[in-house]
Each structure stands twice: as structure tokens, then as C-alpha cells.
Protein backbone atom coordinates (compact mmCIF):
# COMPACT_ATOMS: atom_id res chain seq x y z
CA MET A 1 10.53 -49.41 -74.37
CA ASN A 2 10.27 -45.53 -75.74
CA LYS A 3 10.61 -42.57 -73.75
CA ALA A 4 6.61 -41.70 -73.54
CA LYS A 5 5.90 -45.40 -72.24
CA ILE A 6 7.98 -44.71 -69.44
CA ILE A 7 6.63 -41.95 -68.84
CA THR A 8 2.94 -43.61 -68.81
CA ILE A 9 4.31 -46.24 -66.50
CA ALA A 10 5.88 -43.81 -64.16
CA ILE A 11 2.71 -41.56 -64.62
CA VAL A 12 0.27 -44.98 -63.39
CA SER A 13 2.34 -46.14 -60.72
CA LEU A 14 2.25 -43.16 -58.91
CA ILE A 15 -1.59 -42.94 -59.61
CA VAL A 16 -1.99 -46.80 -58.11
CA LEU A 17 0.41 -45.31 -55.24
CA PHE A 18 -1.59 -42.36 -54.25
CA ALA A 19 -5.10 -44.62 -54.17
CA VAL A 20 -3.44 -46.98 -52.03
CA LEU A 21 -2.37 -43.97 -48.95
CA ILE A 22 -5.90 -42.99 -49.36
CA LEU A 23 -7.06 -46.37 -48.76
CA LEU A 24 -5.63 -47.00 -46.05
CA ASP A 25 -5.63 -43.01 -44.25
CA ILE A 26 -9.43 -44.19 -44.06
CA PHE A 27 -9.59 -47.64 -43.60
CA ALA A 28 -6.73 -48.34 -40.41
CA PRO A 29 -8.02 -47.36 -37.31
CA LYS A 30 -8.35 -43.71 -35.52
CA LYS A 31 -5.46 -43.34 -32.74
CA ASN A 32 -8.69 -42.02 -29.93
CA GLU A 33 -11.15 -44.61 -31.21
CA ASN A 34 -10.75 -47.25 -28.65
CA LEU A 35 -10.44 -44.53 -25.57
CA ALA A 36 -13.23 -44.32 -23.56
CA PRO A 37 -14.94 -40.53 -24.08
CA GLU A 38 -13.55 -39.16 -21.09
CA GLN A 39 -9.95 -40.49 -21.92
CA ARG A 40 -10.59 -38.35 -24.87
CA GLN A 41 -11.71 -35.29 -23.07
CA ARG A 42 -9.41 -35.45 -21.13
CA GLN A 43 -6.77 -35.22 -24.07
CA SER A 44 -8.47 -32.06 -25.36
CA ALA A 45 -8.85 -30.86 -21.57
CA THR A 46 -6.81 -27.41 -20.53
CA THR A 47 -4.04 -27.39 -17.86
CA VAL A 48 -5.24 -24.47 -14.96
CA ARG A 49 -4.63 -24.05 -11.63
CA VAL A 50 -7.91 -23.50 -9.16
CA THR A 51 -7.51 -21.53 -5.85
CA PRO A 52 -10.61 -22.09 -3.51
CA VAL A 53 -12.76 -18.96 -2.34
CA SER A 54 -12.30 -17.98 1.41
CA THR A 55 -12.92 -15.59 3.69
CA GLY A 56 -10.27 -13.14 4.13
CA THR A 57 -9.26 -9.58 5.34
CA ILE A 58 -8.59 -6.56 3.04
CA GLU A 59 -6.89 -3.52 3.47
CA ARG A 60 -7.17 -0.41 1.51
CA SER A 61 -3.84 2.17 1.92
CA VAL A 62 -2.45 5.89 0.57
CA ILE A 63 0.62 5.69 0.87
CA ILE A 64 2.45 9.35 2.01
CA ASN A 65 5.45 11.19 3.89
CA GLY A 66 5.03 12.31 7.44
CA GLU A 67 7.49 13.70 10.20
CA ILE A 68 8.66 13.03 13.55
CA LEU A 69 7.53 15.50 16.49
CA ALA A 70 7.70 15.96 19.90
CA ARG A 71 4.06 15.77 20.88
CA ASN A 72 4.56 18.86 23.32
CA GLN A 73 6.37 21.45 21.23
CA VAL A 74 6.58 24.93 23.10
CA THR A 75 8.09 28.22 20.80
CA ILE A 76 9.98 30.43 23.73
CA PHE A 77 9.56 34.41 23.80
CA PRO A 78 11.39 36.88 25.69
CA THR A 79 8.37 39.66 27.46
CA VAL A 80 10.68 42.61 25.95
CA GLY A 81 12.44 43.55 23.33
CA GLY A 82 16.37 43.43 23.67
CA ARG A 83 19.78 41.88 23.28
CA ILE A 84 20.34 38.67 24.50
CA ILE A 85 23.35 38.69 27.28
CA GLU A 86 23.61 35.09 28.84
CA ALA A 87 21.82 32.11 27.23
CA ARG A 88 21.91 29.09 29.73
CA PHE A 89 20.04 26.06 28.34
CA GLY A 90 21.35 24.00 25.16
CA ILE A 91 19.61 22.13 22.02
CA GLY A 92 19.28 18.92 24.00
CA ASP A 93 19.43 20.08 27.37
CA ARG A 94 17.01 19.25 30.00
CA VAL A 95 14.89 22.10 31.09
CA ASN A 96 12.17 22.49 33.96
CA ARG A 97 8.96 24.47 33.85
CA GLY A 98 9.40 27.63 35.98
CA ASP A 99 13.52 27.83 34.71
CA VAL A 100 15.37 31.08 33.28
CA VAL A 101 16.29 29.79 30.22
CA ALA A 102 18.03 33.07 28.90
CA MET A 103 18.71 36.91 30.33
CA ILE A 104 17.64 40.13 28.08
CA ASP A 105 19.07 43.68 28.68
CA PRO A 106 16.84 45.50 27.57
CA SER A 107 18.73 48.81 28.31
CA ARG A 108 19.42 51.60 25.29
CA PRO A 109 22.36 54.71 24.29
CA GLY A 110 22.09 56.31 27.81
CA GLU A 111 19.95 54.03 28.97
CA VAL A 112 20.54 51.39 31.63
CA TYR A 113 17.54 48.93 32.25
CA SER A 114 17.09 45.26 34.65
CA ARG A 115 18.03 42.63 33.25
CA SER A 116 15.29 41.27 32.20
CA PRO A 117 14.45 36.69 32.88
CA VAL A 118 13.04 34.21 29.78
CA ILE A 119 11.11 31.83 31.44
CA SER A 120 10.20 28.35 30.11
CA THR A 121 6.47 27.66 30.28
CA VAL A 122 6.50 23.63 29.93
CA SER A 123 9.12 20.92 31.02
CA GLY A 124 11.36 19.41 28.33
CA THR A 125 14.20 19.25 25.84
CA VAL A 126 15.90 22.01 24.18
CA LEU A 127 14.89 21.52 20.22
CA SER A 128 15.93 24.49 19.04
CA ALA A 129 17.99 27.51 20.19
CA PRO A 130 17.52 29.55 16.68
CA LEU A 131 19.41 32.77 18.23
CA SER A 132 22.83 33.21 20.20
CA ILE A 133 24.14 35.71 22.57
CA GLY A 134 24.65 39.09 21.44
CA ASP A 135 21.63 39.15 19.40
CA THR A 136 19.04 41.65 19.85
CA VAL A 137 15.36 40.21 19.65
CA THR A 138 11.77 41.66 19.96
CA VAL A 139 8.83 40.25 21.81
CA GLN A 140 8.19 37.95 18.88
CA SER A 141 11.60 36.27 18.29
CA PRO A 142 11.74 32.76 19.04
CA ILE A 143 14.24 31.37 21.85
CA PHE A 144 13.87 28.37 22.59
CA ILE A 145 11.75 25.53 21.52
CA ILE A 146 11.54 23.38 23.47
CA GLY A 147 9.66 19.54 23.54
CA ASP A 148 8.57 16.73 25.93
CA LEU A 149 10.34 13.76 23.70
CA SER A 150 9.72 10.87 25.99
CA SER A 151 6.29 11.36 23.81
CA LEU A 152 6.65 11.45 20.18
CA LEU A 153 4.04 11.92 17.43
CA VAL A 154 3.67 11.89 13.68
CA GLU A 155 2.11 14.93 11.52
CA THR A 156 1.14 13.88 8.09
CA PHE A 157 -0.86 15.44 5.29
CA VAL A 158 -3.63 13.63 3.63
CA PRO A 159 -4.59 14.36 0.13
CA GLU A 160 -8.28 15.91 -0.12
CA ARG A 161 -9.80 12.34 -2.59
CA PHE A 162 -8.39 10.73 1.21
CA THR A 163 -10.05 12.93 3.16
CA ALA A 164 -13.60 11.36 3.37
CA SER A 165 -13.01 8.21 4.84
CA VAL A 166 -10.25 9.70 7.79
CA ARG A 167 -11.32 9.50 11.15
CA THR A 168 -9.48 8.45 14.70
CA GLY A 169 -8.56 5.80 15.55
CA MET A 170 -7.47 4.45 11.75
CA ARG A 171 -4.22 2.43 12.22
CA ALA A 172 -0.94 2.85 9.58
CA VAL A 173 2.27 1.32 9.45
CA LEU A 174 5.35 3.49 9.48
CA HIS A 175 8.68 2.81 7.74
CA PHE A 176 11.89 4.66 8.27
CA ASP A 177 14.72 4.88 5.94
CA ALA A 178 17.20 4.99 9.78
CA ILE A 179 15.29 1.56 10.55
CA PRO A 180 15.04 -0.22 7.43
CA GLY A 181 13.80 -3.26 7.26
CA GLU A 182 11.40 -2.60 10.15
CA THR A 183 7.85 -1.47 10.58
CA PHE A 184 6.26 0.37 13.46
CA ASN A 185 2.42 0.67 14.35
CA ALA A 186 0.25 3.75 14.79
CA GLU A 187 -3.33 4.78 15.10
CA VAL A 188 -5.18 8.54 14.10
CA PHE A 189 -5.83 10.66 17.24
CA GLU A 190 -5.98 13.48 15.54
CA VAL A 191 -7.80 14.72 12.54
CA ASN A 192 -7.90 18.98 11.80
CA PRO A 193 -11.83 19.44 10.59
CA VAL A 194 -10.83 21.55 8.07
CA ILE A 195 -8.76 20.71 4.25
CA ASP A 196 -6.01 23.88 4.34
CA PRO A 197 -6.83 25.65 1.05
CA ILE A 198 -3.79 26.00 -0.88
CA THR A 199 -2.18 22.74 -0.50
CA ARG A 200 -5.81 20.26 0.13
CA THR A 201 -4.56 18.53 2.24
CA LEU A 202 -6.09 17.29 6.19
CA ARG A 203 -3.60 17.53 8.42
CA ILE A 204 -3.58 14.29 10.45
CA ARG A 205 -1.51 13.27 14.18
CA LEU A 206 -0.58 9.68 14.56
CA ARG A 207 0.60 8.27 17.61
CA PHE A 208 2.69 4.89 17.62
CA LEU A 209 1.34 2.26 19.73
CA ASN A 210 4.80 0.53 20.63
CA PRO A 211 7.63 2.91 21.20
CA ASP A 212 10.38 3.13 20.57
CA SER A 213 13.63 4.65 21.80
CA ARG A 214 14.91 5.14 18.13
CA ILE A 215 13.02 6.27 16.63
CA LYS A 216 13.99 10.62 17.03
CA ALA A 217 11.65 13.96 16.74
CA GLY A 218 12.43 15.06 13.47
CA MET A 219 12.54 12.23 11.89
CA PHE A 220 10.41 11.31 8.16
CA ALA A 221 8.60 8.58 7.83
CA THR A 222 6.78 6.86 4.68
CA ILE A 223 3.45 6.33 6.07
CA SER A 224 0.87 3.47 4.92
CA LEU A 225 -2.40 4.88 6.24
CA VAL A 226 -5.63 2.33 6.21
CA THR A 227 -8.00 3.89 4.89
CA ASN A 228 -10.40 1.00 4.26
CA ARG A 229 -10.13 -2.16 6.15
CA LYS A 230 -12.86 -5.29 5.67
CA THR A 231 -12.42 -8.64 7.37
CA ASP A 232 -13.66 -11.87 7.19
CA ILE A 233 -15.07 -11.60 3.72
CA PRO A 234 -14.94 -14.04 0.56
CA VAL A 235 -11.57 -12.65 -1.57
CA ILE A 236 -10.02 -14.39 -4.58
CA GLN A 237 -7.09 -13.98 -6.05
CA ARG A 238 -7.02 -10.65 -7.90
CA SER A 239 -5.52 -12.42 -10.81
CA SER A 240 -8.72 -14.80 -11.11
CA VAL A 241 -10.89 -11.62 -12.37
CA ILE A 242 -11.64 -10.71 -15.84
CA SER A 243 -13.05 -7.33 -16.97
CA THR A 244 -15.34 -7.88 -20.06
CA TYR A 245 -17.52 -5.39 -22.07
CA GLY A 246 -17.90 -3.38 -18.50
CA SER A 247 -18.34 -6.48 -16.26
CA TRP A 248 -16.47 -9.02 -14.60
CA ILE A 249 -16.48 -12.60 -14.68
CA VAL A 250 -13.63 -15.27 -13.25
CA PHE A 251 -14.68 -19.09 -14.42
CA VAL A 252 -16.06 -22.01 -11.62
CA ALA A 253 -14.28 -25.64 -11.89
CA ASP A 254 -17.24 -28.00 -11.42
CA ASP A 255 -17.21 -31.46 -9.84
CA LYS A 256 -16.41 -32.75 -13.36
CA ASN A 257 -14.06 -30.56 -14.18
CA ILE A 258 -16.19 -28.58 -16.43
CA ALA A 259 -15.43 -24.43 -17.01
CA ARG A 260 -18.32 -22.40 -15.76
CA ARG A 261 -18.30 -18.23 -16.44
CA ARG A 262 -18.88 -16.85 -13.42
CA GLU A 263 -20.28 -13.05 -13.63
CA ILE A 264 -19.40 -10.95 -10.58
CA THR A 265 -19.67 -8.14 -8.77
CA LEU A 266 -16.49 -6.90 -6.97
CA GLY A 267 -15.89 -4.92 -3.48
CA ILE A 268 -13.09 -3.84 -1.99
CA ASP A 269 -9.19 -4.39 -2.83
CA ASN A 270 -5.40 -5.15 -2.97
CA GLU A 271 -2.78 -5.94 -4.24
CA ASP A 272 -3.27 -9.70 -4.18
CA TYR A 273 -6.90 -9.91 -3.44
CA ILE A 274 -10.02 -8.88 -3.77
CA GLU A 275 -13.70 -8.92 -2.33
CA VAL A 276 -17.02 -10.31 -3.74
CA LEU A 277 -19.73 -9.21 -3.50
CA SER A 278 -21.37 -11.50 -5.52
CA GLY A 279 -22.01 -14.36 -8.05
CA LEU A 280 -19.72 -16.72 -6.35
CA SER A 281 -19.85 -19.43 -2.92
CA LEU A 282 -17.14 -20.08 -0.13
CA GLY A 283 -15.06 -23.30 -1.14
CA GLU A 284 -16.23 -23.17 -5.21
CA ASN A 285 -12.78 -23.70 -7.42
CA VAL A 286 -11.88 -20.14 -9.12
CA VAL A 287 -9.41 -20.87 -12.01
CA SER A 288 -6.45 -19.05 -10.95
CA ALA A 289 -4.52 -19.53 -13.42
CA GLY A 290 -5.10 -20.33 -17.15
CA GLN A 291 -8.29 -18.59 -17.42
CA ASN A 292 -7.92 -16.87 -20.53
CA PHE A 293 -8.01 -19.38 -23.00
CA LEU A 294 -11.06 -20.61 -21.28
CA SER A 295 -14.80 -20.33 -22.81
CA ASP A 296 -17.45 -22.10 -20.98
CA GLY A 297 -18.48 -25.61 -20.54
CA ASP A 298 -14.42 -26.12 -22.04
CA PRO A 299 -12.89 -29.20 -20.01
CA VAL A 300 -10.61 -28.22 -18.14
CA ARG A 301 -7.38 -30.00 -15.72
CA ILE A 302 -6.23 -29.07 -12.56
CA ALA A 303 -2.64 -28.73 -11.93
CA GLU A 304 -1.72 -29.53 -8.66
């Protein structure tokens, strides 16, 4: 047998083999042909996780810093100028209203005058004594700062963009570096009617709802001030919402496990949840994971 015949036989054999394979593929039963339509649909479904629309509470907060102060804090000044010759109290001492806290000698060279007492106008604890014996003072020199430590307040300043929502009675949660892992509740009881023209902030003061002896005047606090709070409103997980061309959409899994596209209107939100104003009803199953791979009408398989 010559070389040409061998090549011809090989080519014919390959053509016959290729034709047989094509015929087998055409007439062989397909893998899914014997499956019911519901089973075929289930095999092509996208696996998703759903969360029902439910009622909840959403709080929107602003994080600011504040300082703990004595509620009644007064600076004591002398009534005459001169030299401090006696200080009867120190920092931390308890002072009663009417107590003589210091003595001033108003004498000048060549002249002798009677000593003048410095009298406390309030009861409280000495928080600061900025001057010492021998210092020369005027009637504008602070001798002591006295405050009532039995009642503390929190002073803070709110940025201008949040001032429209600030009002008395608003709640806040406080954190202290000195007391890690614990939170303390407070509420706004005083709102300055004027915004500071230099800092563009609004001064507010808060009182503790549950005073704690570990909190000291002068401490630094991190304040989470609730500027907006809604209760018993329809909410969904924030991760469920998709932004598209200026609108907000979600996918709802119906009772036949078909994804339905819904355009919704949103309200306030926080880190985890968002308020639904329209487009959804309570109890509907909103796709909260896997929705980015869906189109309207796609079959879904709900993960447990």
C-alpha cells in the first residue's frame, strides 16, 4: 500500500468518526429534558438572602466633643486691689457661702490700711486657685473658682449645619477615655440662642440622667448627640438598596420565588437600617444579599 492510499484512508476515517460524534450529540437525550419546568427553573435560579420589611427605630447622630463642668461655677474676685497675705482654702476644699477665703492688704508704701477679706458668694468646692500668697491683685483678678460638684453638666459646641435640629430634651450618649467600655446617658437642657460668629458653632449644655461618682469635672467626653429619631417606622437593611440613575431600587422575592424590581422612596438612615417611605409593605421579603446579580423576573433560590 502506497503512502497516498494510507493518507486517504486516514482522512476518511476521521470524517466518519466526526460524523458519528455529531449524530450522537444530536440524538442523545439532554440532561435537563426529563426535568419538570419548576425543576429546570430551580437549577437556573440565583441564590439570595432575604429580610422582611419590619418596623423599627432609627436614630441619626452627630459625634462631637465636650467638657464636664460643675453646674454652678463661680469666680471669686477681691473688692479692693492689693497683695494677697492669706489664703484660707486650697483646691478641693469645701467652701460655704459667706466664708472668708482670703485676705488682701491694700496698703501702699508709706500708708497702712486695714486688711480686706475676700468672701465667697456661693457654696461649693474650690476648683481652681490661680494666685498665690504674695501676688498683687486688682479687683479684676480671680482669687478662687468655686463650683458645686454635686451636680455636673456637659458643655459642648454643635457645628452650624446641625443647629436647626437641636432642641432641649434631646438625648445623647457619652463615652469617656477614663471609663472605657461604658456609656452614660444625658439630655440637652440649655441651648444658646446665638451662634458664635467666629467658630460658627452653637453652645449647648447637657445634664446626666444617671449621675456617676466616677465622672469628674474637667473630664473630656465624646458625645453622640441624637439629632433625629423615628420610632415604629418601616425599615429595611441599608445593604438591600441599589442606587441607579438617581433613584433607589430593591428586589422583592414573591411567593413564587421570582425577583420583582421595586422603586422606593427613602427617609432617614443610620449605619445599618434605612426608613422606607413608599414602595414596600410590611412583611415583604426584600433581597438583602445577591441583589446585584438580579433582573426583574429572575427566579431566585432563598438561602436559609
